[in-house]
Protein backbone atom coordinates (compact mmCIF):
# COMPACT_ATOMS: atom_id res chain seq x y z
CA MET A 1 15.41 1.67 20.17
CA LYS A 2 16.02 3.90 17.24
CA PHE A 3 12.35 4.59 16.46
CA TYR A 4 11.85 6.34 19.90
CA GLU A 5 14.49 8.74 18.80
CA LYS A 6 12.54 9.67 15.78
CA LEU A 7 9.31 10.36 17.83
CA ILE A 8 11.37 12.44 20.30
CA ALA A 9 12.86 14.57 17.52
CA ARG A 10 9.25 15.13 16.20
CA GLN A 11 8.03 16.22 19.70
CA ARG A 12 10.88 18.61 20.22
CA ALA A 13 10.15 20.21 16.82
CA GLY A 14 6.42 20.44 17.56
CA THR A 15 5.45 18.16 14.62
CA LEU A 16 4.49 15.00 16.47
CA ARG A 17 1.38 13.65 14.82
CA SER A 18 -1.64 12.09 16.58
CA LEU A 19 -5.04 10.78 15.33
CA PRO A 20 -7.50 13.52 16.07
CA VAL A 21 -11.10 12.48 16.87
CA PRO A 22 -13.54 14.73 14.81
CA THR A 23 -15.52 17.25 16.95
CA GLU A 24 -18.54 19.46 16.42
CA GLY A 25 -17.89 22.60 14.29
CA ILE A 26 -18.18 24.26 11.04
CA ASP A 27 -16.26 22.21 8.41
CA PHE A 28 -13.28 23.98 6.92
CA TYR A 29 -10.92 21.16 6.81
CA SER A 30 -12.49 17.99 5.01
CA ASN A 31 -12.18 17.19 1.43
CA ASP A 32 -15.86 16.67 1.17
CA TYR A 33 -16.16 19.58 -1.20
CA LEU A 34 -19.79 19.04 -2.35
CA GLY A 35 -21.21 17.59 1.07
CA LEU A 36 -22.09 14.43 -0.77
CA SER A 37 -20.74 12.14 2.02
CA ARG A 38 -23.48 13.52 4.31
CA ASN A 39 -26.12 13.98 1.79
CA ALA A 40 -29.15 12.19 2.90
CA ASP A 41 -30.73 11.40 -0.49
CA LEU A 42 -27.55 10.21 -1.76
CA GLN A 43 -27.02 7.89 1.22
CA ARG A 44 -30.52 6.40 0.74
CA ALA A 45 -29.92 5.74 -3.13
CA ILE A 46 -26.59 4.01 -2.08
CA ALA A 47 -28.41 1.85 0.50
CA LYS A 48 -31.23 0.91 -2.07
CA GLU A 49 -28.50 0.06 -4.53
CA ILE A 50 -26.72 -2.27 -2.11
CA SER A 51 -30.11 -3.76 -1.19
CA ASP A 52 -31.48 -4.16 -4.65
CA ASN A 53 -28.31 -5.91 -5.96
CA SER A 54 -27.59 -7.91 -2.68
CA LEU A 55 -24.20 -6.46 -2.33
CA SER A 56 -21.90 -7.46 0.47
CA HIS A 57 -19.63 -5.51 2.91
CA GLY A 58 -16.67 -7.65 2.34
CA SER A 59 -15.00 -8.56 -0.98
CA THR A 60 -13.33 -11.72 0.46
CA GLY A 61 -10.02 -11.38 -1.39
CA SER A 62 -7.83 -9.58 -4.09
CA ARG A 63 -9.43 -9.07 -7.38
CA LEU A 64 -7.15 -11.78 -8.94
CA LEU A 65 -8.47 -14.16 -6.58
CA SER A 66 -12.09 -13.99 -5.16
CA GLY A 67 -12.46 -10.16 -4.94
CA ASN A 68 -13.69 -9.55 -8.45
CA SER A 69 -17.31 -9.33 -9.72
CA SER A 70 -19.34 -8.52 -12.66
CA TYR A 71 -20.51 -5.45 -10.84
CA ALA A 72 -16.98 -4.22 -10.58
CA MET A 73 -16.11 -4.76 -14.25
CA ASN A 74 -19.32 -3.06 -15.36
CA LEU A 75 -18.67 -0.07 -12.98
CA GLU A 76 -15.11 0.20 -14.58
CA LYS A 77 -16.88 0.50 -17.95
CA THR A 78 -19.18 3.00 -16.79
CA LEU A 79 -16.23 5.08 -15.26
CA ALA A 80 -14.19 4.91 -18.57
CA ALA A 81 -17.23 6.24 -20.46
CA TYR A 82 -17.92 9.11 -18.07
CA PHE A 83 -14.33 10.05 -17.74
CA GLN A 84 -13.84 9.74 -21.48
CA SER A 85 -11.09 7.06 -21.36
CA GLU A 86 -10.63 3.90 -23.23
CA SER A 87 -10.47 1.66 -20.10
CA ALA A 88 -10.40 2.05 -16.45
CA LEU A 89 -9.32 0.15 -13.47
CA LEU A 90 -10.28 0.47 -9.73
CA PHE A 91 -8.00 0.83 -6.71
CA ASN A 92 -8.57 0.88 -3.03
CA SER A 93 -7.23 4.44 -2.78
CA GLY A 94 -5.67 7.21 -4.60
CA TYR A 95 -2.30 6.34 -2.95
CA ASP A 96 -2.55 2.75 -4.12
CA ALA A 97 -3.43 3.83 -7.68
CA ASN A 98 -0.49 6.36 -7.91
CA ALA A 99 2.05 4.06 -6.17
CA GLY A 100 0.79 1.03 -8.17
CA LEU A 101 0.72 2.82 -11.50
CA ILE A 102 4.24 4.16 -11.31
CA GLN A 103 5.58 1.06 -9.92
CA ALA A 104 4.11 -1.19 -12.65
CA LEU A 105 4.90 1.29 -15.50
CA SER A 106 8.37 2.34 -14.98
CA SER A 107 11.93 0.71 -14.09
CA ARG A 108 15.36 1.63 -13.49
CA ASP A 109 16.00 2.46 -17.14
CA ASP A 110 13.42 5.35 -17.12
CA ILE A 111 13.52 9.00 -15.83
CA ILE A 112 10.48 10.40 -14.10
CA LEU A 113 10.09 14.09 -13.81
CA TYR A 114 7.69 15.22 -11.13
CA ASP A 115 6.47 18.75 -9.78
CA GLU A 116 8.27 19.47 -6.53
CA LEU A 117 4.92 19.68 -4.79
CA ILE A 118 3.68 16.37 -6.08
CA HIS A 119 1.76 13.94 -3.65
CA ALA A 120 3.73 11.64 -1.48
CA SER A 121 2.08 8.54 -3.15
CA ILE A 122 3.87 9.45 -6.41
CA ARG A 123 7.27 9.91 -4.68
CA ASP A 124 6.87 6.58 -3.07
CA GLY A 125 5.87 4.93 -6.37
CA ILE A 126 9.04 6.27 -7.89
CA THR A 127 10.96 4.53 -5.02
CA LEU A 128 9.33 1.31 -5.60
CA SER A 129 9.85 1.52 -9.47
CA ARG A 130 13.67 2.22 -8.94
CA ALA A 131 13.32 4.76 -11.79
CA ARG A 132 15.42 7.92 -11.58
CA GLY A 133 13.18 10.71 -10.21
CA TRP A 134 13.99 14.36 -10.83
CA SER A 135 11.84 17.14 -9.53
CA PHE A 136 11.08 20.43 -11.19
CA ARG A 137 10.10 23.61 -9.70
CA HIS A 138 6.32 23.94 -8.88
CA ASN A 139 4.34 24.80 -12.12
CA ASP A 140 7.53 26.16 -13.70
CA MET A 141 7.33 24.94 -17.34
CA GLU A 142 10.64 26.68 -18.27
CA HIS A 143 12.48 24.63 -15.64
CA LEU A 144 10.57 21.51 -16.57
CA GLU A 145 11.87 21.99 -20.48
CA ASN A 146 15.50 22.22 -19.02
CA ARG A 147 14.98 19.00 -17.17
CA LEU A 148 13.48 17.39 -20.28
CA LYS A 149 16.52 18.44 -22.29
CA LEU A 150 18.90 16.94 -19.72
CA ALA A 151 16.78 13.80 -19.43
CA ARG A 152 17.04 13.23 -23.21
CA GLU A 153 20.76 13.46 -23.16
CA LYS A 154 20.78 10.56 -20.59
CA ASP A 155 19.11 8.38 -23.25
CA PRO A 156 16.41 6.80 -20.98
CA ALA A 157 14.11 3.99 -22.01
CA ASN A 158 11.26 6.26 -21.18
CA ILE A 159 10.61 9.70 -19.81
CA PHE A 160 7.51 10.17 -17.73
CA ILE A 161 6.10 13.48 -16.27
CA PHE A 162 3.82 13.50 -13.27
CA SER A 163 1.47 16.43 -12.27
CA GLU A 164 -1.51 17.21 -10.39
CA SER A 165 -4.38 19.32 -12.02
CA ILE A 166 -5.14 20.88 -8.52
CA TYR A 167 -2.43 20.76 -5.90
CA SER A 168 -3.63 19.65 -2.53
CA MET A 169 -1.71 21.97 -0.40
CA ASP A 170 -1.41 25.26 -2.42
CA GLY A 171 -4.66 24.86 -4.15
CA ASP A 172 -3.37 26.17 -7.60
CA THR A 173 -3.70 24.44 -10.88
CA ALA A 174 -1.31 22.92 -13.25
CA PRO A 175 -0.72 24.60 -16.65
CA LEU A 176 -2.02 21.64 -18.72
CA SER A 177 -1.75 22.97 -22.23
CA GLU A 178 1.77 23.93 -21.80
CA LEU A 179 2.54 20.64 -19.93
CA SER A 180 0.86 18.67 -22.77
CA ALA A 181 2.86 20.59 -25.38
CA LEU A 182 6.17 19.85 -23.70
CA CYS A 183 5.27 16.21 -23.54
CA THR A 184 4.79 16.20 -27.30
CA ARG A 185 7.78 18.18 -28.05
CA TYR A 186 10.05 15.88 -25.96
CA ALA A 187 8.37 12.52 -26.67
CA ALA A 188 7.59 12.17 -23.04
CA GLN A 189 4.53 10.45 -21.35
CA CYS A 190 2.27 12.57 -19.01
CA ILE A 191 0.26 11.29 -16.11
CA LEU A 192 -2.13 13.54 -14.26
CA ASP A 193 -3.44 13.10 -10.76
CA GLU A 194 -7.04 14.61 -10.71
CA ALA A 195 -7.72 13.82 -7.17
CA HIS A 196 -8.91 17.39 -6.26
CA ALA A 197 -10.58 18.11 -9.45
CA GLY A 198 -12.81 15.21 -10.03
CA GLY A 199 -16.30 15.91 -9.06
CA VAL A 200 -15.84 19.74 -8.62
CA TYR A 201 -15.00 19.96 -12.23
CA GLY A 202 -17.03 17.01 -13.38
CA GLU A 203 -14.70 14.57 -15.39
CA GLY A 204 -11.77 16.71 -14.52
CA LEU A 205 -9.65 19.57 -15.75
CA ALA A 206 -8.03 17.50 -18.54
CA VAL A 207 -11.55 16.78 -20.07
CA ARG A 208 -12.67 20.28 -19.52
CA ALA A 209 -9.65 21.58 -21.61
CA GLY A 210 -10.09 18.80 -24.10
CA LEU A 211 -6.70 17.28 -23.28
CA GLN A 212 -7.82 14.09 -21.97
CA ASN A 213 -6.18 11.91 -24.86
CA HIS A 214 -2.91 13.88 -24.35
CA PHE A 215 -2.30 11.92 -21.02
CA LEU A 216 -0.95 8.50 -20.78
CA ALA A 217 -3.05 8.07 -17.70
CA ARG A 218 -5.20 10.04 -15.29
CA ILE A 219 -6.23 9.22 -11.77
CA ILE A 220 -9.55 10.10 -10.11
CA THR A 221 -10.22 9.61 -6.42
CA PHE A 222 -13.52 9.13 -4.99
CA GLY A 223 -13.00 10.07 -1.39
CA LYS A 224 -13.17 13.76 -1.88
CA ALA A 225 -15.90 15.66 -4.03
CA TRP A 226 -17.63 12.38 -4.74
CA GLY A 227 -18.11 11.57 -0.95
CA ALA A 228 -17.14 7.81 -1.41
CA HIS A 229 -13.97 5.87 -1.27
CA GLY A 230 -11.41 4.29 -3.64
CA ALA A 231 -9.97 5.56 -6.91
CA VAL A 232 -9.58 4.75 -10.49
CA VAL A 233 -6.87 4.79 -13.15
CA LEU A 234 -8.15 5.85 -16.64
CA ALA A 235 -5.96 4.74 -19.43
CA SER A 236 -5.60 2.65 -22.57
CA ASP A 237 -6.58 -1.09 -22.67
CA ALA A 238 -3.17 -2.11 -22.90
CA LEU A 239 -1.89 -0.08 -19.68
CA ILE A 240 -4.84 -1.44 -17.86
CA GLN A 241 -3.89 -4.81 -18.60
CA LEU A 242 -0.34 -3.96 -17.52
CA LEU A 243 -1.56 -2.73 -14.09
CA ALA A 244 -3.56 -5.94 -13.68
CA ASN A 245 -0.53 -7.98 -14.09
CA PHE A 246 2.30 -5.83 -12.32
CA ALA A 247 0.72 -3.29 -9.94
CA ARG A 248 1.50 -4.70 -6.48
CA PRO A 249 -0.94 -2.66 -4.50
CA LEU A 250 -3.69 -4.05 -6.73
CA ILE A 251 -2.55 -7.65 -6.80
CA TYR A 252 -1.78 -8.06 -3.09
CA SER A 253 -4.66 -6.09 -1.51
CA THR A 254 -8.12 -7.21 -0.79
CA ALA A 255 -10.35 -5.59 -3.13
CA LEU A 256 -12.73 -2.85 -2.31
CA PRO A 257 -16.11 -4.28 -1.11
CA PRO A 258 -19.10 -4.35 -3.29
CA SER A 259 -20.93 -1.82 -0.98
CA SER A 260 -18.21 0.60 -1.55
CA LEU A 261 -18.53 0.13 -5.46
CA ALA A 262 -22.21 0.90 -5.08
CA ALA A 263 -21.38 4.28 -3.50
CA ILE A 264 -19.09 5.09 -6.32
CA ARG A 265 -21.59 4.00 -8.86
CA ILE A 266 -24.43 6.01 -7.52
CA ALA A 267 -22.30 9.21 -6.82
CA VAL A 268 -20.96 9.45 -10.35
CA SER A 269 -24.41 8.64 -11.74
CA TRP A 270 -25.60 11.75 -9.87
CA ALA A 271 -23.15 14.10 -11.81
CA HIS A 272 -25.71 15.15 -14.33
CA THR A 273 -28.59 15.70 -11.65
CA PRO A 274 -29.89 19.09 -10.60
CA LEU A 275 -28.87 18.33 -7.07
CA PHE A 276 -25.30 17.74 -8.08
CA SER A 277 -25.13 20.94 -10.31
CA ARG A 278 -26.70 22.88 -7.37
CA GLU A 279 -23.78 21.76 -5.11
CA VAL A 280 -21.09 22.53 -7.65
CA ASN A 281 -22.55 25.96 -8.22
CA ARG A 282 -22.77 26.87 -4.43
CA LEU A 283 -19.21 25.80 -4.07
CA LYS A 284 -18.09 28.03 -7.03
CA GLU A 285 -19.99 31.03 -5.41
CA ASN A 286 -18.38 30.24 -2.03
CA ILE A 287 -14.85 30.29 -3.66
CA SER A 288 -15.54 33.48 -5.45
CA PHE A 289 -16.87 34.98 -2.31
CA PHE A 290 -14.04 33.74 -0.25
CA VAL A 291 -11.28 35.04 -2.75
CA ASN A 292 -12.97 38.47 -2.87
CA GLU A 293 -13.09 38.86 0.82
CA ARG A 294 -9.59 37.41 1.27
CA GLN A 295 -8.19 39.96 -1.10
CA ARG A 296 -9.78 42.72 0.75
CA THR A 297 -7.84 41.82 3.88
CA GLY A 298 -4.67 42.62 2.03
CA SER A 299 -2.60 39.96 3.84
CA GLU A 300 0.10 38.53 1.74
CA ARG A 301 0.20 35.43 3.85
CA TRP A 302 -2.59 34.00 1.58
CA LEU A 303 -1.48 31.82 -1.39
CA GLN A 304 -2.86 32.68 -4.59
CA SER A 305 -5.77 30.01 -5.36
CA SER A 306 -9.19 30.25 -7.09
CA THR A 307 -10.02 26.57 -6.04
CA ALA A 308 -11.64 25.21 -2.89
CA ILE A 309 -8.24 24.92 -1.18
CA GLN A 310 -7.14 28.17 0.32
CA SER A 311 -3.84 28.16 2.31
CA PHE A 312 -2.61 30.91 4.86
CA VAL A 313 1.01 30.54 5.65
CA THR A 314 2.12 31.29 9.05
CA GLY A 315 5.71 30.32 8.38
CA ASN A 316 6.45 28.32 11.49
CA VAL A 317 4.94 25.34 13.56
CA SER A 318 3.97 27.38 16.74
CA ALA A 319 2.19 30.10 14.85
CA ALA A 320 0.06 27.44 12.80
CA ARG A 321 -0.82 25.60 15.82
CA THR A 322 -1.80 28.55 17.85
CA LEU A 323 -4.11 30.06 15.07
CA ALA A 324 -5.61 26.53 14.53
CA GLU A 325 -6.38 26.28 18.26
CA LYS A 326 -7.94 29.70 18.17
CA LEU A 327 -10.20 28.98 15.25
CA ASN A 328 -11.33 25.55 16.74
CA ALA A 329 -12.16 27.34 19.96
CA ALA A 330 -14.32 29.68 17.85
CA GLY A 331 -16.06 26.63 16.46
CA PHE A 332 -14.34 26.39 12.96
CA LEU A 333 -12.81 22.99 12.06
CA VAL A 334 -9.35 23.94 10.69
CA ARG A 335 -6.05 22.01 11.01
CA PRO A 336 -2.60 23.22 10.81
CA ILE A 337 -0.36 21.71 8.22
CA LEU A 338 3.14 21.28 9.33
CA SER A 339 6.44 20.14 7.97
CA PRO A 340 7.35 17.60 6.52
CA THR A 341 3.93 17.64 4.88
CA VAL A 342 4.85 20.98 3.66
CA PRO A 343 8.46 22.31 3.50
CA GLU A 344 9.81 23.87 6.69
CA GLY A 345 9.01 27.63 6.88
CA THR A 346 5.74 27.18 4.96
CA GLU A 347 3.73 25.88 7.74
CA ARG A 348 0.01 27.08 7.14
CA LEU A 349 -3.67 26.63 7.86
CA ARG A 350 -5.31 24.84 4.82
CA ILE A 351 -8.89 26.11 4.52
CA VAL A 352 -11.15 23.89 2.60
CA LEU A 353 -14.41 25.37 1.26
CA HIS A 354 -17.59 23.40 0.72
CA SER A 355 -20.83 23.88 -1.08
CA LEU A 356 -22.49 23.76 2.48
CA ASN A 357 -20.54 26.60 3.93
CA THR A 358 -22.54 29.93 4.20
CA ARG A 359 -21.23 33.26 3.46
CA ASP A 360 -21.76 34.40 7.17
CA GLU A 361 -19.49 31.48 8.21
CA ILE A 362 -16.93 32.42 5.67
CA GLY A 363 -16.91 36.03 6.67
CA LYS A 364 -16.38 35.24 10.31
CA LEU A 365 -13.71 32.69 9.65
CA LEU A 366 -11.68 35.26 7.58
CA SER A 367 -12.19 37.91 10.28
CA SER A 368 -10.72 35.47 12.78
CA ILE A 369 -7.67 34.82 10.84
CA LYS A 370 -4.88 37.39 11.49
């Protein structure tokens, strides 16, 4: 069978994937930036919320059938208010939110411009929508403008631009002001994935820059800094109504269970508490310390990043695997990132910093990476 050939090809290239079982060690690989998924006080608060509201662990159906609830709808109002949006709609994951949004919003008469390092869920959404998808060079606003000029010549029904505020593999940030200005100049609609910014930067980088109203939609996921699961699309009432009618991942998926909604509600409600602020500040201090120590090494293999995502490019599969194994043996939980997740020749270690990491741990990790 043909699928065996695909597996054999991956095996020969050294990129065959398997599902790893987490082991004991110092976490430098999870997206639990603030350690909220393992915070005992938060977990107790979630358990109390579930008990006080008699929430179940099964939603029983899609939201258009039996899976909706007043609890879910009230949570969406709370999220819209916190993230400064007119309306909000919950999805089961960031992948579902991105794919469903693009598929419902666009059609074959549209052109979608997307950063070449955009998340796979957005690329898959473009495929589902049958719109014309054109990439532009990563964070290159001059190249994006050239693509916009060319797109306008094609006279599409709509032009959409997709970007992430923080990129998941390189850890760098998008130039949101320039991006917003180009959208206005060329009458394009901008959509921003804030998966890796929400929580670490509160409401996200768009809100921090005062640009939240410049984006047609924003996507926040709760499985990273918020320590929960699920995602939310933040947009106008009209766009949210469109998604409820046409977003296939929403319509044809069993809804998030009420217990998961409780985790989201409690996590976001803690955003203004001293505990949350403490974890955010600790993470920022760890990022600053890591960047300073990284620069002292003088290695050019580190990608430039001032976020919790720091990447050390080895340039090939074997070197990435070997270095990861060395670090794992020393007690550091690190995973190699291989092609096709990243372009061939940019294989790397993706180091993720957390508020729970100590300076001693960070220093020892850096001294082991050579």
